[in-house]
């Protein structure tokens, strides 16, 4: 009996830190589809409330539209894309490269979600997208911006990642 309880306690303590990261609600999506990127912010910075979330949009993700949040003001930063992208018969050479929400505050013992809609790239070379997040609190800041390095193991502050599924027929997945 004791053994089981011990093993269970251990499993829980190992699993717990994984939930502490800022993560995407859905971590995979069809390449070329429209996707609602929902970022879950599970806690503040060492007990301090969150007052700002800023998300960098990776190259190839276009037509970004932030979802307004009551109590927060969203702003977008527009910049030139590295490439040109077709969307609805238009060629896009610039667009939203960063989305920021300021306001709150979001208490450390509460979680919330911040979302934007975007069109995902349909490039067979692109398997994973990373969305670095800067979390600013009443005291302190956390950069969720570490990208995985093969063989490096778990990162303390990983950037939320999205796996693209190819050949799933992106057009069928309109919401």
C-alpha atoms as a PDB file:
ATOM      1  CA  UNK A   1       0.000   0.000   0.000  1.00  0.00           C
ATOM      2  CA  UNK A   2       2.706   2.440   1.056  1.00  0.00           C
ATOM      3  CA  UNK A   3       4.721   1.780  -2.098  1.00  0.00           C
ATOM      4  CA  UNK A   4       1.866   2.767  -4.378  1.00  0.00           C
ATOM      5  CA  UNK A   5       1.249   6.016  -2.517  1.00  0.00           C
ATOM      6  CA  UNK A   6       4.921   6.892  -2.740  1.00  0.00           C
ATOM      7  CA  UNK A   7       5.093   6.171  -6.471  1.00  0.00           C
ATOM      8  CA  UNK A   8       1.948   8.194  -7.027  1.00  0.00           C
ATOM      9  CA  UNK A   9       3.311  11.148  -5.064  1.00  0.00           C
ATOM     10  CA  UNK A  10       6.474  11.054  -7.120  1.00  0.00           C
ATOM     11  CA  UNK A  11       4.589  10.942 -10.430  1.00  0.00           C
ATOM     12  CA  UNK A  12       2.516  13.959  -9.404  1.00  0.00           C
ATOM     13  CA  UNK A  13       5.537  16.031  -8.409  1.00  0.00           C
ATOM     14  CA  UNK A  14       7.254  15.194 -11.714  1.00  0.00           C
ATOM     15  CA  UNK A  15       4.178  16.066 -13.757  1.00  0.00           C
ATOM     16  CA  UNK A  16       3.342  19.315 -11.969  1.00  0.00           C
ATOM     17  CA  UNK A  17       5.998  21.665 -13.444  1.00  0.00           C
ATOM     18  CA  UNK A  18       4.860  20.859 -16.987  1.00  0.00           C
ATOM     19  CA  UNK A  19       1.573  22.652 -16.360  1.00  0.00           C
ATOM     20  CA  UNK A  20       3.350  25.725 -15.097  1.00  0.00           C
ATOM     21  CA  UNK A  21       4.492  26.797 -18.557  1.00  0.00           C
ATOM     22  CA  UNK A  22       2.627  29.129 -20.856  1.00  0.00           C
ATOM     23  CA  UNK A  23       1.235  26.701 -23.416  1.00  0.00           C
ATOM     24  CA  UNK A  24      -1.015  26.524 -26.463  1.00  0.00           C
ATOM     25  CA  UNK A  25      -4.445  25.058 -25.795  1.00  0.00           C
ATOM     26  CA  UNK A  26      -4.214  23.017 -29.029  1.00  0.00           C
ATOM     27  CA  UNK A  27      -0.654  21.997 -29.805  1.00  0.00           C
ATOM     28  CA  UNK A  28      -1.260  20.706 -33.319  1.00  0.00           C
ATOM     29  CA  UNK A  29      -3.168  21.981 -36.355  1.00  0.00           C
ATOM     30  CA  UNK A  30      -3.488  21.362 -40.082  1.00  0.00           C
ATOM     31  CA  UNK A  31      -0.912  23.184 -42.210  1.00  0.00           C
ATOM     32  CA  UNK A  32      -2.535  25.919 -44.290  1.00  0.00           C
ATOM     33  CA  UNK A  33      -5.613  26.082 -42.079  1.00  0.00           C
ATOM     34  CA  UNK A  34      -7.057  28.920 -40.052  1.00  0.00           C
ATOM     35  CA  UNK A  35      -6.161  28.344 -36.435  1.00  0.00           C
ATOM     36  CA  UNK A  36      -7.200  29.929 -33.174  1.00  0.00           C
ATOM     37  CA  UNK A  37      -4.017  30.133 -31.131  1.00  0.00           C
ATOM     38  CA  UNK A  38      -5.088  30.124 -27.477  1.00  0.00           C
ATOM     39  CA  UNK A  39      -2.254  30.733 -25.028  1.00  0.00           C
ATOM     40  CA  UNK A  40      -2.885  29.566 -21.492  1.00  0.00           C
ATOM     41  CA  UNK A  41      -1.180  31.604 -18.768  1.00  0.00           C
ATOM     42  CA  UNK A  42      -1.316  29.462 -15.624  1.00  0.00           C
ATOM     43  CA  UNK A  43       0.409  31.717 -13.068  1.00  0.00           C
ATOM     44  CA  UNK A  44       2.182  35.004 -12.513  1.00  0.00           C
ATOM     45  CA  UNK A  45       5.878  35.701 -11.911  1.00  0.00           C
ATOM     46  CA  UNK A  46       6.879  34.205  -8.546  1.00  0.00           C
ATOM     47  CA  UNK A  47       3.580  35.169  -6.969  1.00  0.00           C
ATOM     48  CA  UNK A  48       3.225  38.566  -8.700  1.00  0.00           C
ATOM     49  CA  UNK A  49       0.161  39.258 -10.854  1.00  0.00           C
ATOM     50  CA  UNK A  50       0.463  39.319 -14.653  1.00  0.00           C
ATOM     51  CA  UNK A  51      -0.158  42.696 -16.306  1.00  0.00           C
ATOM     52  CA  UNK A  52       1.100  42.131 -19.844  1.00  0.00           C
ATOM     53  CA  UNK A  53       1.422  39.255 -22.305  1.00  0.00           C
ATOM     54  CA  UNK A  54       3.297  39.762 -25.540  1.00  0.00           C
ATOM     55  CA  UNK A  55       3.442  37.046 -28.201  1.00  0.00           C
ATOM     56  CA  UNK A  56       5.791  36.984 -31.183  1.00  0.00           C
ATOM     57  CA  UNK A  57       4.262  35.612 -34.358  1.00  0.00           C
ATOM     58  CA  UNK A  58       6.608  33.323 -36.303  1.00  0.00           C
ATOM     59  CA  UNK A  59       7.364  33.863 -39.995  1.00  0.00           C
ATOM     60  CA  UNK A  60       4.751  32.264 -42.253  1.00  0.00           C
ATOM     61  CA  UNK A  61       1.844  32.821 -39.870  1.00  0.00           C
ATOM     62  CA  UNK A  62      -0.337  35.473 -41.511  1.00  0.00           C
ATOM     63  CA  UNK A  63      -3.702  37.240 -41.212  1.00  0.00           C
ATOM     64  CA  UNK A  64      -3.388  37.504 -37.420  1.00  0.00           C
ATOM     65  CA  UNK A  65      -6.448  38.872 -35.608  1.00  0.00           C
ATOM     66  CA  UNK A  66      -6.268  39.210 -31.819  1.00  0.00           C
ATOM     67  CA  UNK A  67      -9.280  38.306 -29.727  1.00  0.00           C
ATOM     68  CA  UNK A  68     -10.277  41.243 -27.508  1.00  0.00           C
ATOM     69  CA  UNK A  69     -10.346  40.580 -23.772  1.00  0.00           C
ATOM     70  CA  UNK A  70     -12.422  42.567 -21.290  1.00  0.00           C
ATOM     71  CA  UNK A  71     -10.083  44.427 -18.933  1.00  0.00           C
ATOM     72  CA  UNK A  72      -7.165  44.228 -21.366  1.00  0.00           C
ATOM     73  CA  UNK A  73      -6.068  46.421 -24.266  1.00  0.00           C
ATOM     74  CA  UNK A  74      -4.631  44.529 -27.215  1.00  0.00           C
ATOM     75  CA  UNK A  75      -2.106  46.075 -29.581  1.00  0.00           C
ATOM     76  CA  UNK A  76      -0.377  44.642 -32.618  1.00  0.00           C
ATOM     77  CA  UNK A  77       2.993  45.373 -34.138  1.00  0.00           C
ATOM     78  CA  UNK A  78       3.090  45.346 -37.944  1.00  0.00           C
ATOM     79  CA  UNK A  79       6.325  44.654 -39.803  1.00  0.00           C
ATOM     80  CA  UNK A  80       7.571  43.368 -43.140  1.00  0.00           C
ATOM     81  CA  UNK A  81       7.513  39.611 -43.618  1.00  0.00           C
ATOM     82  CA  UNK A  82      10.683  37.871 -44.744  1.00  0.00           C
ATOM     83  CA  UNK A  83       8.688  36.455 -47.661  1.00  0.00           C
ATOM     84  CA  UNK A  84       5.476  37.210 -49.551  1.00  0.00           C
ATOM     85  CA  UNK A  85       2.314  35.199 -48.903  1.00  0.00           C
ATOM     86  CA  UNK A  86      -0.861  34.678 -50.876  1.00  0.00           C
ATOM     87  CA  UNK A  87      -4.116  35.041 -49.004  1.00  0.00           C
ATOM     88  CA  UNK A  88      -7.551  35.333 -50.628  1.00  0.00           C
ATOM     89  CA  UNK A  89      -5.947  36.380 -53.917  1.00  0.00           C
ATOM     90  CA  UNK A  90      -3.880  39.137 -52.321  1.00  0.00           C
ATOM     91  CA  UNK A  91      -0.132  39.131 -51.881  1.00  0.00           C
ATOM     92  CA  UNK A  92       0.831  40.010 -48.315  1.00  0.00           C
ATOM     93  CA  UNK A  93       4.332  41.347 -47.646  1.00  0.00           C
ATOM     94  CA  UNK A  94       3.714  42.670 -44.154  1.00  0.00           C
ATOM     95  CA  UNK A  95       1.482  41.909 -41.240  1.00  0.00           C
ATOM     96  CA  UNK A  96       1.184  41.369 -37.518  1.00  0.00           C
ATOM     97  CA  UNK A  97       4.455  40.097 -36.046  1.00  0.00           C
ATOM     98  CA  UNK A  98       3.597  40.627 -32.388  1.00  0.00           C
ATOM     99  CA  UNK A  99       0.406  40.762 -30.328  1.00  0.00           C
ATOM    100  CA  UNK A 100       0.358  42.311 -26.861  1.00  0.00           C
ATOM    101  CA  UNK A 101      -2.352  42.433 -24.206  1.00  0.00           C
ATOM    102  CA  UNK A 102      -1.947  44.885 -21.338  1.00  0.00           C
ATOM    103  CA  UNK A 103      -4.258  45.260 -18.381  1.00  0.00           C
ATOM    104  CA  UNK A 104      -5.610  42.824 -15.888  1.00  0.00           C
ATOM    105  CA  UNK A 105      -4.107  42.269 -13.489  1.00  0.00           C
ATOM    106  CA  UNK A 106      -4.320  38.489 -13.647  1.00  0.00           C
ATOM    107  CA  UNK A 107      -3.695  37.236 -10.102  1.00  0.00           C
ATOM    108  CA  UNK A 108      -1.032  34.581  -9.584  1.00  0.00           C
ATOM    109  CA  UNK A 109      -3.635  32.116  -8.269  1.00  0.00           C
ATOM    110  CA  UNK A 110      -5.842  32.457 -11.373  1.00  0.00           C
ATOM    111  CA  UNK A 111      -5.271  31.367 -14.961  1.00  0.00           C
ATOM    112  CA  UNK A 112      -6.480  32.960 -18.163  1.00  0.00           C
ATOM    113  CA  UNK A 113      -6.235  32.551 -21.912  1.00  0.00           C
ATOM    114  CA  UNK A 114      -5.151  34.969 -24.612  1.00  0.00           C
ATOM    115  CA  UNK A 115      -6.033  34.182 -28.213  1.00  0.00           C
ATOM    116  CA  UNK A 116      -5.636  35.250 -31.796  1.00  0.00           C
ATOM    117  CA  UNK A 117      -6.758  33.773 -35.085  1.00  0.00           C
ATOM    118  CA  UNK A 118      -4.236  33.274 -37.852  1.00  0.00           C
ATOM    119  CA  UNK A 119      -3.600  31.411 -41.080  1.00  0.00           C
ATOM    120  CA  UNK A 120      -0.905  28.776 -40.754  1.00  0.00           C
ATOM    121  CA  UNK A 121       1.797  28.190 -43.363  1.00  0.00           C
ATOM    122  CA  UNK A 122       1.362  25.331 -45.812  1.00  0.00           C
ATOM    123  CA  UNK A 123       5.069  24.791 -46.354  1.00  0.00           C
ATOM    124  CA  UNK A 124       6.110  21.125 -46.216  1.00  0.00           C
ATOM    125  CA  UNK A 125       9.466  22.246 -44.787  1.00  0.00           C
ATOM    126  CA  UNK A 126       7.755  23.693 -41.711  1.00  0.00           C
ATOM    127  CA  UNK A 127       6.859  21.042 -39.149  1.00  0.00           C
ATOM    128  CA  UNK A 128       6.858  23.111 -35.962  1.00  0.00           C
ATOM    129  CA  UNK A 129       6.100  26.740 -35.176  1.00  0.00           C
ATOM    130  CA  UNK A 130       7.190  28.479 -31.992  1.00  0.00           C
ATOM    131  CA  UNK A 131       5.513  31.501 -30.435  1.00  0.00           C
ATOM    132  CA  UNK A 132       7.847  33.182 -27.916  1.00  0.00           C
ATOM    133  CA  UNK A 133       5.861  34.803 -25.100  1.00  0.00           C
ATOM    134  CA  UNK A 134       6.968  37.624 -22.791  1.00  0.00           C
ATOM    135  CA  UNK A 135       5.016  37.643 -19.536  1.00  0.00           C
ATOM    136  CA  UNK A 136       5.290  40.854 -17.527  1.00  0.00           C
ATOM    137  CA  UNK A 137       4.080  41.068 -13.945  1.00  0.00           C
ATOM    138  CA  UNK A 138       3.690  43.760 -11.291  1.00  0.00           C
ATOM    139  CA  UNK A 139       7.139  42.535 -10.263  1.00  0.00           C
ATOM    140  CA  UNK A 140       9.398  40.685 -12.634  1.00  0.00           C
ATOM    141  CA  UNK A 141       9.084  39.251 -16.114  1.00  0.00           C
ATOM    142  CA  UNK A 142       9.367  35.768 -17.612  1.00  0.00           C
ATOM    143  CA  UNK A 143      10.428  35.133 -21.198  1.00  0.00           C
ATOM    144  CA  UNK A 144       8.926  31.910 -22.522  1.00  0.00           C
ATOM    145  CA  UNK A 145      11.237  31.888 -25.511  1.00  0.00           C
ATOM    146  CA  UNK A 146      13.496  28.852 -25.368  1.00  0.00           C
ATOM    147  CA  UNK A 147      13.478  26.675 -28.481  1.00  0.00           C
ATOM    148  CA  UNK A 148      14.107  22.936 -28.247  1.00  0.00           C
ATOM    149  CA  UNK A 149      17.600  21.699 -29.003  1.00  0.00           C
ATOM    150  CA  UNK A 150      17.789  18.012 -29.961  1.00  0.00           C
ATOM    151  CA  UNK A 151      19.054  15.972 -27.031  1.00  0.00           C
ATOM    152  CA  UNK A 152      18.965  18.892 -24.589  1.00  0.00           C
ATOM    153  CA  UNK A 153      16.015  17.558 -22.592  1.00  0.00           C
ATOM    154  CA  UNK A 154      13.340  19.714 -20.994  1.00  0.00           C
ATOM    155  CA  UNK A 155      13.678  23.476 -21.072  1.00  0.00           C
ATOM    156  CA  UNK A 156      12.843  25.598 -18.035  1.00  0.00           C
ATOM    157  CA  UNK A 157      11.125  28.304 -20.130  1.00  0.00           C
ATOM    158  CA  UNK A 158      10.020  26.769 -23.449  1.00  0.00           C
ATOM    159  CA  UNK A 159       8.317  28.838 -26.131  1.00  0.00           C
ATOM    160  CA  UNK A 160       4.838  27.436 -26.840  1.00  0.00           C
ATOM    161  CA  UNK A 161       5.082  25.136 -29.852  1.00  0.00           C
ATOM    162  CA  UNK A 162       2.588  24.131 -32.522  1.00  0.00           C
ATOM    163  CA  UNK A 163       3.002  21.016 -34.642  1.00  0.00           C
ATOM    164  CA  UNK A 164       1.732  21.312 -38.206  1.00  0.00           C
ATOM    165  CA  UNK A 165      -0.065  18.334 -39.681  1.00  0.00           C
ATOM    166  CA  UNK A 166       0.516  18.069 -43.419  1.00  0.00           C
ATOM    167  CA  UNK A 167      -1.783  16.538 -45.980  1.00  0.00           C
ATOM    168  CA  UNK A 168      -4.803  16.857 -43.715  1.00  0.00           C
ATOM    169  CA  UNK A 169      -6.624  19.047 -46.246  1.00  0.00           C
ATOM    170  CA  UNK A 170      -6.433  22.362 -44.447  1.00  0.00           C
ATOM    171  CA  UNK A 171      -9.454  23.792 -46.254  1.00  0.00           C
ATOM    172  CA  UNK A 172     -11.867  21.382 -44.609  1.00  0.00           C
ATOM    173  CA  UNK A 173     -10.979  22.743 -41.181  1.00  0.00           C
ATOM    174  CA  UNK A 174     -12.570  26.203 -41.382  1.00  0.00           C
ATOM    175  CA  UNK A 175     -14.244  27.112 -38.121  1.00  0.00           C
END
